[in-house]
Amino acid sequence: MGLDLTLIPVRYPIMEEVAIYPRTQINLDRDSILFERIKAEAKMIPLPAMLLWNYEGNMVRVDEDPYGVPLAYVKAKDLHPLFSETQYEWNMAAEAYLKRLHPDTKIILFWH
C-alpha cells in the first residue's frame, strides 16, 4: 500500500462556509520523489470551506484526508514547477494541464 495524490482544481473563488463542488480531479501516478517535493516545497494554504466531492462513487463531505490531515490547497503557479523532474507520463500530462490554468487557480491536494 502506497501513498496516492489526487489534484482537485477549483474553478471558482473559495469562500468561507460555502461548499465547493469540484468537477475535475487528476489522479497522479505514484512518484515518491515528486510527492516528497510537493510535501517539502508546496506553499500550502488551509482550505477555509467545505468540500463536497464525488469520492469513490459517493458524494461525501471532506474536511480532511484519510490520514486526518485538514485539506489545503496550493496555487497552480506554485505547484507545476515541482513536476519538472517527474518521469511518469501521466504526471507530465498533469503538469501540462496545470501550466495552462490561470496561475492563481487553487488546487486542493488530497492525499490518500
Protein backbone atom coordinates (compact mmCIF):
# COMPACT_ATOMS: atom_id res chain seq x y z
CA MET A 1 0.00 0.00 0.00
CA GLY A 2 1.48 3.32 -1.04
CA LEU A 3 0.64 6.98 -0.86
CA ASP A 4 -1.53 8.43 -3.63
CA LEU A 5 -2.29 12.03 -4.54
CA THR A 6 -5.33 13.45 -6.28
CA LEU A 7 -5.30 17.05 -7.51
CA ILE A 8 -8.65 18.85 -7.35
CA PRO A 9 -8.63 22.13 -9.32
CA VAL A 10 -11.16 24.69 -8.09
CA ARG A 11 -12.57 26.81 -10.88
CA TYR A 12 -14.41 29.40 -8.79
CA PRO A 13 -13.32 31.54 -5.81
CA ILE A 14 -13.19 29.76 -2.46
CA MET A 15 -15.32 31.50 0.16
CA GLU A 16 -15.54 30.59 3.82
CA GLU A 17 -18.52 28.48 4.82
CA VAL A 18 -19.54 27.87 1.20
CA ALA A 19 -19.38 24.34 -0.17
CA ILE A 20 -17.02 23.53 -3.03
CA TYR A 21 -18.34 21.11 -5.67
CA PRO A 22 -15.37 20.24 -7.88
CA ARG A 23 -15.95 18.64 -11.25
CA THR A 24 -12.38 17.77 -12.09
CA GLN A 25 -9.89 15.52 -10.39
CA ILE A 26 -6.49 14.34 -11.54
CA ASN A 27 -5.19 11.12 -10.04
CA LEU A 28 -1.41 11.17 -10.23
CA ASP A 29 0.81 8.15 -10.74
CA ARG A 30 2.77 7.22 -7.62
CA ASP A 31 6.03 9.12 -7.71
CA SER A 32 7.76 9.26 -4.34
CA ILE A 33 10.26 11.89 -5.48
CA LEU A 34 7.50 14.19 -6.75
CA PHE A 35 5.34 13.60 -3.68
CA GLU A 36 8.21 14.37 -1.28
CA ARG A 37 8.99 17.50 -3.25
CA ILE A 38 5.36 18.65 -3.05
CA LYS A 39 5.26 17.99 0.69
CA ALA A 40 8.51 19.88 1.28
CA GLU A 41 8.16 22.81 -1.13
CA ALA A 42 4.49 23.49 -1.89
CA LYS A 43 3.08 26.66 -0.31
CA MET A 44 0.08 25.06 1.38
CA ILE A 45 -2.91 27.21 2.34
CA PRO A 46 -5.60 25.77 4.66
CA LEU A 47 -8.91 25.18 2.89
CA PRO A 48 -11.45 27.55 4.51
CA ALA A 49 -14.51 25.87 3.01
CA MET A 50 -16.19 22.50 2.97
CA LEU A 51 -15.51 20.18 0.05
CA LEU A 52 -18.42 18.14 -1.28
CA TRP A 53 -16.83 15.63 -3.57
CA ASN A 54 -17.75 12.55 -5.55
CA TYR A 55 -15.20 10.29 -3.87
CA GLU A 56 -15.19 6.62 -4.92
CA GLY A 57 -18.72 6.91 -6.33
CA ASN A 58 -20.31 8.64 -3.35
CA MET A 59 -21.00 12.34 -2.73
CA VAL A 60 -19.25 12.99 0.57
CA ARG A 61 -18.25 15.94 2.71
CA VAL A 62 -14.48 16.01 3.04
CA ASP A 63 -12.67 18.19 5.57
CA GLU A 64 -9.52 16.12 5.93
CA ASP A 65 -7.66 13.37 4.13
CA PRO A 66 -7.85 9.72 5.27
CA TYR A 67 -4.78 10.38 7.45
CA GLY A 68 -6.63 13.04 9.46
CA VAL A 69 -4.77 15.99 7.92
CA PRO A 70 -7.01 19.01 7.20
CA LEU A 71 -7.37 19.76 3.49
CA ALA A 72 -5.25 22.51 1.97
CA TYR A 73 -4.64 23.96 -1.45
CA VAL A 74 -1.75 25.37 -3.43
CA LYS A 75 -1.84 27.75 -6.39
CA ALA A 76 -1.20 26.28 -9.84
CA LYS A 77 1.78 28.61 -10.39
CA ASP A 78 3.46 27.20 -7.27
CA LEU A 79 2.64 23.57 -7.98
CA HIS A 80 3.51 22.91 -11.64
CA PRO A 81 7.24 23.76 -11.29
CA LEU A 82 7.55 20.93 -8.75
CA PHE A 83 6.77 18.43 -11.55
CA SER A 84 9.89 19.32 -13.55
CA GLU A 85 11.73 16.06 -12.82
CA THR A 86 8.91 13.55 -12.99
CA GLN A 87 9.45 10.63 -15.37
CA TYR A 88 5.85 9.39 -15.32
CA GLU A 89 3.83 10.22 -18.44
CA TRP A 90 0.55 10.74 -16.59
CA ASN A 91 2.23 13.16 -14.18
CA MET A 92 3.82 15.02 -17.10
CA ALA A 93 0.33 15.41 -18.58
CA ALA A 94 -0.88 16.76 -15.22
CA GLU A 95 1.99 19.26 -15.27
CA ALA A 96 0.96 20.43 -18.76
CA TYR A 97 -2.63 20.85 -17.54
CA LEU A 98 -1.51 22.88 -14.51
CA LYS A 99 0.62 25.14 -16.72
CA ARG A 100 -2.43 26.02 -18.85
CA LEU A 101 -4.55 27.08 -15.86
CA HIS A 102 -4.67 30.65 -14.59
CA PRO A 103 -1.62 30.96 -12.28
CA ASP A 104 -3.78 31.68 -9.23
CA THR A 105 -6.07 28.67 -9.72
CA LYS A 106 -6.40 26.83 -6.43
CA ILE A 107 -5.51 23.13 -6.47
CA ILE A 108 -6.69 21.08 -3.50
CA LEU A 109 -4.28 18.28 -2.62
CA PHE A 110 -5.99 15.10 -1.47
CA TRP A 111 -3.53 12.55 -0.12
CA HIS A 112 -4.87 9.01 0.21
